[in-house]
Amino acid sequence: MMRPTRKHSGYWAFLVHRLSGLGLVLFLPLHFLALGTAIQGAAKLDSFLQWTENPIAKFAEIILVILL
């Protein structure tokens, strides 16, 4: 019987791959929302981009880039 081990590099590659995939699942709808607001005009896009200046949004973006 093979037991998975957390010391194996394949386990960590799998974990990072899975976390980056989940991050993309959360990021892509927001990205499409931003593109949709750009079609509605500059004022709508500016209001959305102002929301992205939130420190939590910046932190999440940095983590996603690191995982990718």
Protein backbone atom coordinates (compact mmCIF):
# COMPACT_ATOMS: atom_id res chain seq x y z
CA MET A 1 0.00 0.00 0.00
CA MET A 2 1.39 3.37 -1.00
CA ARG A 3 0.85 6.16 1.47
CA PRO A 4 0.88 9.75 0.23
CA THR A 5 3.47 11.85 1.92
CA ARG A 6 3.59 15.60 2.26
CA LYS A 7 7.36 15.51 1.91
CA HIS A 8 7.14 14.44 -1.71
CA SER A 9 7.63 17.25 -4.24
CA GLY A 10 4.75 15.96 -6.36
CA TYR A 11 2.35 16.56 -3.50
CA TRP A 12 3.37 20.21 -3.24
CA ALA A 13 3.16 20.65 -7.01
CA PHE A 14 -0.36 19.21 -6.93
CA LEU A 15 -1.34 21.49 -4.04
CA VAL A 16 -0.02 24.66 -5.70
CA HIS A 17 -1.66 23.67 -8.99
CA ARG A 18 -5.00 23.11 -7.25
CA LEU A 19 -4.81 26.38 -5.30
CA SER A 20 -3.90 28.38 -8.40
CA GLY A 21 -6.84 26.80 -10.22
CA LEU A 22 -9.21 27.80 -7.42
CA GLY A 23 -7.76 31.30 -7.48
CA LEU A 24 -8.44 31.54 -11.21
CA VAL A 25 -12.01 30.34 -10.67
CA LEU A 26 -12.50 33.31 -8.35
CA PHE A 27 -10.51 35.80 -10.42
CA LEU A 28 -11.89 35.22 -13.91
CA PRO A 29 -15.52 36.23 -13.18
CA LEU A 30 -14.23 39.46 -11.63
CA HIS A 31 -12.06 40.03 -14.67
CA PHE A 32 -15.04 39.56 -17.00
CA LEU A 33 -17.06 41.91 -14.78
CA ALA A 34 -14.36 44.54 -15.22
CA LEU A 35 -14.45 44.07 -18.99
CA GLY A 36 -18.23 44.38 -18.92
CA THR A 37 -18.08 47.62 -16.96
CA ALA A 38 -15.59 49.00 -19.47
CA ILE A 39 -18.21 48.56 -22.18
CA GLN A 40 -20.69 50.54 -20.06
CA GLY A 41 -18.44 53.57 -19.95
CA ALA A 42 -15.43 55.13 -18.28
CA ALA A 43 -17.30 56.16 -15.12
CA LYS A 44 -18.43 52.57 -14.42
CA LEU A 45 -14.95 51.22 -15.07
CA ASP A 46 -13.37 53.84 -12.82
CA SER A 47 -15.71 52.92 -9.98
CA PHE A 48 -14.83 49.24 -10.38
CA LEU A 49 -11.11 49.96 -10.53
CA GLN A 50 -11.41 52.08 -7.39
CA TRP A 51 -12.75 48.97 -5.63
CA THR A 52 -9.68 47.01 -6.76
CA GLU A 53 -7.44 49.40 -4.82
CA ASN A 54 -8.71 47.67 -1.68
CA PRO A 55 -5.75 46.09 0.20
CA ILE A 56 -7.53 42.73 0.33
CA ALA A 57 -7.96 42.75 -3.45
CA LYS A 58 -4.30 43.68 -3.93
CA PHE A 59 -3.19 40.91 -1.56
CA ALA A 60 -5.35 38.33 -3.35
CA GLU A 61 -3.92 39.42 -6.70
CA ILE A 62 -0.35 39.07 -5.43
CA ILE A 63 -1.05 35.60 -4.03
CA LEU A 64 -2.61 34.51 -7.34
CA VAL A 65 0.42 35.70 -9.28
CA ILE A 66 2.75 33.86 -6.91
CA LEU A 67 0.76 30.64 -7.27
CA LEU A 68 0.71 30.90 -11.03
